Amino acid sequence: MKRTATSIVATVAAVGLTLGMSACSTTPAAGGGDAEGPLTVWVMGDSGENFEKLVADSGIEVEVVAIPWDSIDEKLTTAVASGSGPDILQIGLSKLRTFADAGALMPLDDELANHPGIDPANFPAGVSGTATSVGGEIVSVPWTSDTRVLFTRTDILSEAGIDAPPATWDELRADAKTLAARGEGQYGYYIPQWDAPLPIEMTWSMGGEVIDADGNVNFDTPEFKKAVDIYTGLYADKSVPVNGDFDQTQGFISGVAPMLVSGPYLGRGIADSAPELDGKWQASPLPAGDGGSISLFAGSNLGVWFNTDQKDASLDLLEYVSQAEQQLEWYAMTGELPTVTSALEDGDLNSDPNVQVYTDQLKTAKVLPLVSNWDGAVGTELLNALNAITLTGADAKSSLDGLYSTTAGLTIN
């Protein structure tokens, strides 16, 4: 269990998680390793019982606390303020920078030599080592993988004379226009108006970055403008629905929107909800641009609470769940993809053609830039600009200039 948090407490309690975390400057006390008793593990969502089963044979007793995804900010704020956190916690990658800035995570660099199972070399480069380091320190271990690929209703594409899913963004725009011409109320593609990573993935695929050489957010690039041209062009072609409450799963199942970019969870949803579509849809790599097919590396990591008094047992548990056998067992339990490279290359795992697409996509996928409060700051401003252009007819140049201005100064440093 965990002990006294130090001077990060007052600021966080007073002004809330985001501002409080970024204001924190106190170096937390080092964790210890002498205490006994069950490890407290925060597991996000409803997988707590599965986690207990997974580690039942580890020889390490755990007390799992299931935390709803939408409650994690409040939970972390309370833990920091009270000085009492877990020993191990699951962290969504979009929250990693915020947790690290709070000083909630123990640096792991000095522990790797004695725990080779959590060495970054065991994981894809897109989610390990420098890719998810904060301030030059490794503060977490990859746990579950998620990515984005293209889903298509191959039966509908075939009826429209399209013999294969689009391989490039230009092809996708053209195919979407063809599919939208099927009739009133029919579309070719679906853009979630809340999906901030999509234009980032498109920019990466065009060969660009949204972080400049100095570590600052920078959207004012030719590659981002190419991505915006495709993104806004799909709306201009009337190939995508504009209603904000459009249900992507039902839209795909009904065929109203027979192409979309989503994660493996969509594939599971289709298989469960519409088994009659078996053989009529498929997953394919994200469309490519000049930079290739570059998707999002999403998922979650595990970290050790900064002042746990059971450091050794915590690290042992991280090493245990980082074994390929345990990672594959977790996939069997939950459907969440592994992060250990040897598990991602497992033959049985990849015997499902769609899973093969997911694991191949992960080889070049990247995490979103580790800017503090990315979702609330950069992601929100990005969507505000693009939705203004596509949904309200706002002037594109003015909207993008506003985006460049509001995100200037945000940095990964």
Protein backbone atom coordinates (compact mmCIF):
# COMPACT_ATOMS: atom_id res chain seq x y z
CA MET A 1 0.00 0.00 0.00
CA LYS A 2 0.98 3.62 -0.30
CA ARG A 3 2.03 6.33 1.96
CA THR A 4 2.35 9.97 2.39
CA ALA A 5 2.17 12.12 -0.64
CA THR A 6 4.03 15.30 -0.12
CA SER A 7 3.55 18.83 -1.28
CA ILE A 8 1.69 18.05 -4.49
CA VAL A 9 -1.43 17.79 -2.41
CA ALA A 10 -2.65 21.28 -1.80
CA THR A 11 -2.36 22.58 -5.32
CA VAL A 12 -4.22 19.65 -6.83
CA ALA A 13 -7.01 19.81 -4.32
CA ALA A 14 -7.44 23.51 -4.82
CA VAL A 15 -7.54 23.90 -8.57
CA GLY A 16 -8.35 20.48 -9.96
CA LEU A 17 -6.42 17.80 -11.67
CA THR A 18 -5.10 19.39 -14.82
CA LEU A 19 -3.87 22.66 -13.48
CA GLY A 20 -2.77 21.07 -10.25
CA MET A 21 -0.74 18.42 -11.97
CA SER A 22 1.02 20.83 -14.24
CA ALA A 23 1.80 23.06 -11.28
CA CYS A 24 3.44 20.27 -9.33
CA SER A 25 7.16 20.61 -8.92
CA THR A 26 7.95 18.51 -5.90
CA THR A 27 10.00 15.39 -6.42
CA PRO A 28 8.14 12.55 -4.75
CA ALA A 29 9.71 10.36 -2.14
CA ALA A 30 11.20 7.13 -3.39
CA GLY A 31 9.13 4.03 -2.86
CA GLY A 32 10.16 1.29 -0.51
CA GLY A 33 10.05 -2.46 -0.66
CA ASP A 34 9.68 -3.85 2.83
CA ALA A 35 5.96 -3.83 3.56
CA GLU A 36 3.75 -6.90 3.33
CA GLY A 37 0.15 -7.49 2.42
CA PRO A 38 -1.86 -7.46 -0.78
CA LEU A 39 -0.93 -5.02 -3.52
CA THR A 40 -3.64 -2.52 -4.29
CA VAL A 41 -4.19 -2.43 -8.06
CA TRP A 42 -6.40 0.08 -9.83
CA VAL A 43 -7.86 -1.48 -12.95
CA MET A 44 -9.88 0.68 -15.31
CA GLY A 45 -13.35 -0.32 -16.45
CA ASP A 46 -14.99 -3.59 -15.53
CA SER A 47 -12.02 -5.94 -15.85
CA GLY A 48 -11.14 -6.14 -12.18
CA GLU A 49 -12.36 -9.70 -11.71
CA ASN A 50 -10.46 -10.82 -14.81
CA PHE A 51 -7.28 -9.22 -13.51
CA GLU A 52 -7.61 -11.14 -10.24
CA LYS A 53 -7.92 -14.37 -12.23
CA LEU A 54 -4.94 -13.47 -14.41
CA VAL A 55 -2.56 -13.00 -11.49
CA ALA A 56 -3.99 -15.76 -9.28
CA ASP A 57 -0.94 -17.98 -9.92
CA SER A 58 1.64 -15.22 -9.65
CA GLY A 59 2.25 -15.81 -5.96
CA ILE A 60 1.48 -12.15 -5.33
CA GLU A 61 -1.69 -11.29 -3.46
CA VAL A 62 -3.66 -8.40 -4.90
CA GLU A 63 -6.61 -6.28 -3.97
CA VAL A 64 -8.13 -5.01 -7.19
CA VAL A 65 -10.14 -1.80 -7.28
CA ALA A 66 -12.16 -1.28 -10.46
CA ILE A 67 -12.21 2.38 -11.51
CA PRO A 68 -14.73 3.60 -14.12
CA TRP A 69 -12.89 5.26 -17.00
CA ASP A 70 -14.80 8.50 -16.50
CA SER A 71 -13.89 8.64 -12.80
CA ILE A 72 -10.13 8.33 -13.06
CA ASP A 73 -9.40 12.07 -12.95
CA GLU A 74 -11.40 12.48 -9.75
CA LYS A 75 -9.87 9.33 -8.26
CA LEU A 76 -6.33 10.45 -9.00
CA THR A 77 -6.97 13.93 -7.64
CA THR A 78 -8.30 12.46 -4.42
CA ALA A 79 -5.41 10.02 -4.14
CA VAL A 80 -2.82 12.70 -4.62
CA ALA A 81 -4.58 15.05 -2.22
CA SER A 82 -4.98 12.42 0.48
CA GLY A 83 -1.52 10.98 0.05
CA SER A 84 -2.93 7.49 -0.39
CA GLY A 85 -2.83 5.83 -3.78
CA PRO A 86 -2.59 2.27 -5.04
CA ASP A 87 0.59 0.29 -5.54
CA ILE A 88 -0.06 -0.31 -9.24
CA LEU A 89 -2.43 1.51 -11.55
CA GLN A 90 -3.64 1.18 -15.11
CA ILE A 91 -3.25 4.35 -17.16
CA GLY A 92 -4.93 5.18 -20.44
CA LEU A 93 -2.24 6.47 -22.79
CA SER A 94 -4.07 9.77 -23.20
CA LYS A 95 -3.67 10.33 -19.44
CA LEU A 96 -0.05 9.23 -19.14
CA ARG A 97 1.48 12.69 -19.32
CA THR A 98 -0.96 14.07 -16.76
CA PHE A 99 -0.24 11.24 -14.31
CA ALA A 100 3.49 11.65 -14.79
CA ASP A 101 3.34 15.42 -14.36
CA ALA A 102 1.52 14.82 -11.09
CA GLY A 103 4.50 12.88 -9.83
CA ALA A 104 2.19 9.89 -9.34
CA LEU A 105 4.40 7.42 -11.21
CA MET A 106 7.67 5.89 -10.08
CA PRO A 107 10.52 6.17 -12.63
CA LEU A 108 11.46 2.67 -13.74
CA ASP A 109 14.76 3.20 -15.54
CA ASP A 110 16.89 1.97 -12.65
CA GLU A 111 14.70 -1.12 -12.20
CA LEU A 112 15.01 -2.57 -15.70
CA ALA A 113 18.25 -4.44 -15.10
CA ASN A 114 16.64 -6.55 -12.39
CA HIS A 115 13.33 -6.87 -14.24
CA PRO A 116 14.18 -7.67 -17.85
CA GLY A 117 10.58 -8.60 -18.61
CA ILE A 118 9.56 -4.95 -18.56
CA ASP A 119 12.47 -3.73 -20.69
CA PRO A 120 11.21 -1.50 -23.55
CA ALA A 121 12.95 -3.79 -26.03
CA ASN A 122 10.18 -6.35 -25.43
CA PHE A 123 7.48 -4.01 -26.77
CA PRO A 124 6.77 -2.21 -30.06
CA ALA A 125 8.83 0.97 -30.39
CA GLY A 126 5.68 3.02 -30.95
CA VAL A 127 4.56 2.58 -27.34
CA SER A 128 7.72 1.93 -25.35
CA GLY A 129 11.00 3.57 -24.40
CA THR A 130 11.29 7.15 -25.61
CA ALA A 131 7.81 7.01 -27.21
CA THR A 132 6.16 7.09 -23.79
CA SER A 133 8.92 8.50 -21.62
CA VAL A 134 8.18 11.71 -19.75
CA GLY A 135 11.00 14.07 -18.94
CA GLY A 136 13.43 11.47 -20.21
CA GLU A 137 12.25 8.86 -17.72
CA ILE A 138 10.35 5.63 -18.27
CA VAL A 139 7.33 5.84 -16.00
CA SER A 140 5.10 3.03 -17.26
CA VAL A 141 5.00 -0.38 -18.88
CA PRO A 142 2.82 -1.12 -21.94
CA TRP A 143 -0.15 -3.28 -21.00
CA THR A 144 -2.91 -3.44 -23.65
CA SER A 145 -2.90 -2.44 -27.31
CA ASP A 146 -5.50 -0.74 -29.42
CA THR A 147 -5.24 0.78 -32.86
CA ARG A 148 -7.36 2.12 -35.70
CA VAL A 149 -7.93 0.38 -39.02
CA LEU A 150 -10.38 0.70 -41.92
CA PHE A 151 -13.58 -1.33 -41.75
CA THR A 152 -15.52 -1.89 -44.96
CA ARG A 153 -18.71 -3.66 -45.97
CA THR A 154 -17.17 -5.60 -48.82
CA ASP A 155 -20.55 -6.78 -50.09
CA ILE A 156 -21.75 -3.21 -50.56
CA LEU A 157 -18.49 -2.07 -52.10
CA SER A 158 -18.69 -4.95 -54.57
CA GLU A 159 -22.26 -4.06 -55.55
CA ALA A 160 -21.00 -0.53 -56.27
CA GLY A 161 -18.23 -1.84 -58.51
CA ILE A 162 -15.44 -1.40 -55.97
CA ASP A 163 -13.44 -4.60 -55.87
CA ALA A 164 -11.17 -3.88 -52.89
CA PRO A 165 -11.05 -1.58 -49.86
CA PRO A 166 -9.28 1.71 -50.63
CA ALA A 167 -5.55 1.62 -49.99
CA THR A 168 -4.99 5.39 -50.00
CA TRP A 169 -6.88 8.39 -48.66
CA ASP A 170 -7.45 9.64 -52.20
CA GLU A 171 -9.00 6.30 -53.11
CA LEU A 172 -11.14 6.39 -49.99
CA ARG A 173 -12.53 9.81 -50.91
CA ALA A 174 -13.32 8.64 -54.44
CA ASP A 175 -14.92 5.39 -53.24
CA ALA A 176 -16.93 7.23 -50.61
CA LYS A 177 -18.37 9.50 -53.27
CA THR A 178 -19.34 6.48 -55.37
CA LEU A 179 -21.02 4.81 -52.40
CA ALA A 180 -22.88 7.96 -51.39
CA ALA A 181 -24.41 8.04 -54.87
CA ARG A 182 -26.44 4.92 -54.01
CA GLY A 183 -29.35 7.17 -53.05
CA GLU A 184 -30.79 9.55 -50.50
CA GLY A 185 -29.75 8.77 -46.93
CA GLN A 186 -26.83 6.65 -48.09
CA TYR A 187 -23.24 7.62 -47.37
CA GLY A 188 -19.81 6.33 -48.24
CA TYR A 189 -17.86 6.97 -45.07
CA TYR A 190 -18.38 8.05 -41.47
CA ILE A 191 -16.31 10.62 -39.58
CA PRO A 192 -16.96 10.67 -35.82
CA GLN A 193 -17.20 14.35 -34.95
CA TRP A 194 -15.60 13.57 -31.59
CA ASP A 195 -12.63 11.66 -32.98
CA ALA A 196 -9.66 14.00 -32.52
CA PRO A 197 -7.01 11.37 -33.36
CA LEU A 198 -8.36 10.82 -36.91
CA PRO A 199 -6.91 14.02 -38.45
CA ILE A 200 -3.65 13.29 -36.63
CA GLU A 201 -3.50 9.81 -38.18
CA MET A 202 -4.22 11.34 -41.58
CA THR A 203 -1.38 13.85 -41.07
CA TRP A 204 1.04 11.08 -40.09
CA SER A 205 -0.01 9.12 -43.17
CA MET A 206 0.72 12.18 -45.32
CA GLY A 207 4.27 12.06 -43.96
CA GLY A 208 3.91 14.85 -41.44
CA GLU A 209 4.09 15.42 -37.71
CA VAL A 210 2.17 17.74 -35.42
CA ILE A 211 5.16 18.30 -33.13
CA ASP A 212 8.06 20.31 -34.49
CA ALA A 213 11.76 19.75 -33.96
CA ASP A 214 11.68 21.83 -30.76
CA GLY A 215 8.89 19.76 -29.23
CA ASN A 216 6.13 22.29 -29.84
CA VAL A 217 2.67 21.65 -31.29
CA ASN A 218 2.63 22.81 -34.90
CA PHE A 219 -0.27 22.18 -37.28
CA ASP A 220 0.87 24.73 -39.85
CA THR A 221 2.46 22.18 -42.19
CA PRO A 222 1.80 21.04 -45.79
CA GLU A 223 1.02 17.52 -44.56
CA PHE A 224 -1.66 18.68 -42.15
CA LYS A 225 -3.20 20.81 -44.90
CA LYS A 226 -3.34 17.73 -47.15
CA ALA A 227 -5.10 15.87 -44.35
CA VAL A 228 -7.57 18.72 -43.93
CA ASP A 229 -8.26 18.70 -47.67
CA ILE A 230 -9.26 15.02 -47.51
CA TYR A 231 -11.19 15.46 -44.25
CA THR A 232 -13.19 18.49 -45.41
CA GLY A 233 -13.49 17.12 -48.94
CA LEU A 234 -15.46 14.13 -47.68
CA TYR A 235 -18.01 16.55 -46.27
CA ALA A 236 -17.97 18.71 -49.41
CA ASP A 237 -18.72 15.60 -51.46
CA LYS A 238 -21.67 14.85 -49.14
CA SER A 239 -20.12 11.45 -48.53
CA VAL A 240 -20.44 11.53 -44.73
CA PRO A 241 -23.42 12.04 -42.40
CA VAL A 242 -23.50 15.36 -40.56
CA ASN A 243 -25.76 14.48 -37.64
CA GLY A 244 -23.77 14.30 -34.45
CA ASP A 245 -25.75 11.39 -33.00
CA PHE A 246 -25.03 9.04 -35.90
CA ASP A 247 -24.43 5.51 -34.54
CA GLN A 248 -21.32 4.17 -36.26
CA THR A 249 -21.96 0.52 -35.44
CA GLN A 250 -25.58 0.54 -36.59
CA GLY A 251 -24.68 2.68 -39.58
CA PHE A 252 -22.10 0.11 -40.61
CA ILE A 253 -24.37 -2.86 -39.97
CA SER A 254 -27.26 -1.30 -41.88
CA GLY A 255 -24.93 -0.32 -44.70
CA VAL A 256 -25.81 3.37 -44.53
CA ALA A 257 -22.11 4.14 -43.95
CA PRO A 258 -20.19 1.11 -45.27
CA MET A 259 -16.69 2.46 -44.54
CA LEU A 260 -15.22 3.88 -41.36
CA VAL A 261 -12.05 3.94 -39.29
CA SER A 262 -12.34 2.41 -35.86
CA GLY A 263 -10.72 0.02 -33.42
CA PRO A 264 -10.91 -3.74 -32.86
CA TYR A 265 -13.87 -3.19 -30.54
CA LEU A 266 -15.97 -2.38 -33.61
CA GLY A 267 -15.11 -5.76 -35.10
CA ARG A 268 -16.22 -7.49 -31.92
CA GLY A 269 -19.41 -5.42 -31.88
CA ILE A 270 -20.27 -6.39 -35.45
CA ALA A 271 -19.59 -10.06 -34.82
CA ASP A 272 -21.78 -10.03 -31.70
CA SER A 273 -24.59 -7.85 -33.03
CA ALA A 274 -24.79 -8.97 -36.64
CA PRO A 275 -23.44 -12.50 -37.13
CA GLU A 276 -25.39 -12.64 -40.38
CA LEU A 277 -22.76 -10.26 -41.83
CA ASP A 278 -19.99 -12.80 -41.43
CA GLY A 279 -17.98 -12.76 -44.64
CA LYS A 280 -19.51 -9.46 -45.76
CA TRP A 281 -17.09 -7.09 -44.03
CA GLN A 282 -13.39 -6.92 -43.31
CA ALA A 283 -10.71 -4.92 -41.56
CA SER A 284 -7.93 -3.42 -43.68
CA PRO A 285 -4.91 -1.24 -42.98
CA LEU A 286 -5.55 2.44 -42.51
CA PRO A 287 -5.42 4.17 -45.92
CA ALA A 288 -1.97 5.46 -46.78
CA GLY A 289 -0.62 8.78 -47.98
CA ASP A 290 2.89 9.79 -48.97
CA GLY A 291 4.10 8.71 -45.52
CA GLY A 292 2.53 5.25 -45.55
CA SER A 293 -0.25 3.80 -43.42
CA ILE A 294 0.32 5.25 -39.96
CA SER A 295 -2.29 4.70 -37.29
CA LEU A 296 -2.83 5.46 -33.64
CA PHE A 297 -1.27 3.32 -30.92
CA ALA A 298 -3.88 3.48 -28.20
CA GLY A 299 -4.48 1.28 -25.20
CA SER A 300 -3.19 1.45 -21.68
CA ASN A 301 -0.04 1.10 -19.62
CA LEU A 302 0.66 0.07 -16.05
CA GLY A 303 2.62 2.15 -13.58
CA VAL A 304 3.88 1.90 -10.02
CA TRP A 305 2.59 4.51 -7.58
CA PHE A 306 5.43 6.88 -6.74
CA ASN A 307 5.75 6.07 -3.03
CA THR A 308 4.52 2.53 -2.77
CA ASP A 309 6.03 0.68 0.15
CA GLN A 310 5.89 -2.54 -1.85
CA LYS A 311 8.10 -1.60 -4.76
CA ASP A 312 9.68 -5.01 -5.23
CA ALA A 313 6.38 -6.90 -5.26
CA SER A 314 4.88 -4.28 -7.58
CA LEU A 315 7.71 -4.66 -10.07
CA ASP A 316 7.48 -8.43 -9.83
CA LEU A 317 3.79 -8.24 -10.71
CA LEU A 318 4.48 -5.97 -13.69
CA GLU A 319 7.05 -8.48 -14.89
CA TYR A 320 4.59 -11.34 -14.43
CA VAL A 321 1.82 -9.74 -16.52
CA SER A 322 4.38 -8.77 -19.18
CA GLN A 323 5.03 -12.40 -20.05
CA ALA A 324 3.64 -13.42 -23.43
CA GLU A 325 1.63 -16.23 -21.83
CA GLN A 326 -0.16 -13.83 -19.51
CA GLN A 327 -0.71 -11.28 -22.25
CA LEU A 328 -2.36 -13.88 -24.47
CA GLU A 329 -4.47 -15.09 -21.57
CA TRP A 330 -5.65 -11.52 -21.00
CA TYR A 331 -6.63 -11.31 -24.68
CA ALA A 332 -8.62 -14.53 -24.30
CA MET A 333 -10.39 -13.10 -21.26
CA THR A 334 -11.11 -9.59 -22.49
CA GLY A 335 -10.38 -9.28 -26.21
CA GLU A 336 -7.78 -6.59 -25.48
CA LEU A 337 -4.70 -7.04 -27.64
CA PRO A 338 -1.27 -7.70 -26.10
CA THR A 339 1.61 -5.25 -26.11
CA VAL A 340 4.53 -7.65 -25.78
CA THR A 341 5.99 -8.16 -29.26
CA SER A 342 6.32 -11.93 -28.90
CA ALA A 343 2.63 -12.16 -27.98
CA LEU A 344 1.61 -9.92 -30.89
CA GLU A 345 3.47 -12.31 -33.20
CA ASP A 346 1.77 -15.41 -31.82
CA GLY A 347 0.52 -17.69 -34.57
CA ASP A 348 -2.77 -18.58 -32.94
CA LEU A 349 -3.52 -14.93 -32.24
CA ASN A 350 -2.93 -14.03 -35.87
CA SER A 351 -4.92 -16.93 -37.28
CA ASP A 352 -7.89 -14.55 -37.39
CA PRO A 353 -7.35 -12.41 -40.54
CA ASN A 354 -8.79 -9.32 -38.90
CA VAL A 355 -6.52 -9.70 -35.87
CA GLN A 356 -3.61 -10.04 -38.30
CA VAL A 357 -4.56 -6.61 -39.68
CA TYR A 358 -4.59 -5.14 -36.15
CA THR A 359 -1.20 -6.58 -35.19
CA ASP A 360 0.38 -5.52 -38.50
CA GLN A 361 -1.01 -2.00 -38.08
CA LEU A 362 0.54 -1.76 -34.62
CA LYS A 363 4.02 -2.23 -36.10
CA THR A 364 4.02 1.35 -37.40
CA ALA A 365 1.41 2.91 -35.10
CA LYS A 366 2.29 5.86 -32.88
CA VAL A 367 0.97 7.30 -29.64
CA LEU A 368 -0.47 10.79 -29.55
CA PRO A 369 2.10 13.40 -28.54
CA LEU A 370 2.56 13.49 -24.78
CA VAL A 371 1.30 17.02 -24.32
CA SER A 372 -0.29 17.56 -20.94
CA ASN A 373 -4.09 17.56 -21.24
CA TRP A 374 -3.90 16.71 -24.95
CA ASP A 375 -7.59 15.82 -25.15
CA GLY A 376 -8.80 18.96 -23.40
CA ALA A 377 -6.46 21.38 -25.11
CA VAL A 378 -5.13 20.26 -28.49
CA GLY A 379 -7.81 17.70 -29.31
CA THR A 380 -10.65 20.05 -28.48
CA GLU A 381 -9.21 22.95 -30.47
CA LEU A 382 -8.57 20.67 -33.44
CA LEU A 383 -12.14 19.40 -33.51
CA ASN A 384 -13.55 22.88 -32.97
CA ALA A 385 -11.75 24.10 -36.07
CA LEU A 386 -12.60 21.15 -38.32
CA ASN A 387 -16.23 20.90 -37.20
CA ALA A 388 -16.66 24.64 -37.73
CA ILE A 389 -15.44 24.30 -41.32
CA THR A 390 -17.41 21.19 -42.18
CA LEU A 391 -20.61 21.65 -40.20
CA THR A 392 -21.18 25.42 -40.01
CA GLY A 393 -19.46 26.60 -43.17
CA ALA A 394 -16.85 28.64 -41.33
CA ASP A 395 -14.00 30.03 -43.41
CA ALA A 396 -11.29 27.40 -43.59
CA LYS A 397 -8.30 29.75 -43.48
CA SER A 398 -9.61 31.71 -40.52
CA SER A 399 -10.51 28.53 -38.64
CA LEU A 400 -7.11 26.96 -39.22
CA ASP A 401 -5.29 30.18 -38.35
CA GLY A 402 -7.23 30.14 -35.10
CA LEU A 403 -6.14 26.56 -34.47
CA TYR A 404 -2.50 27.43 -35.08
CA SER A 405 -2.79 30.36 -32.68
CA THR A 406 -4.60 28.59 -29.84
CA THR A 407 -2.25 25.60 -29.86
CA ALA A 408 0.96 27.61 -30.18
CA GLY A 409 3.10 27.26 -27.10
CA LEU A 410 1.82 23.81 -26.17
CA THR A 411 4.71 21.42 -25.94
CA ILE A 412 5.86 17.93 -25.07
CA ASN A 413 8.80 19.38 -23.16
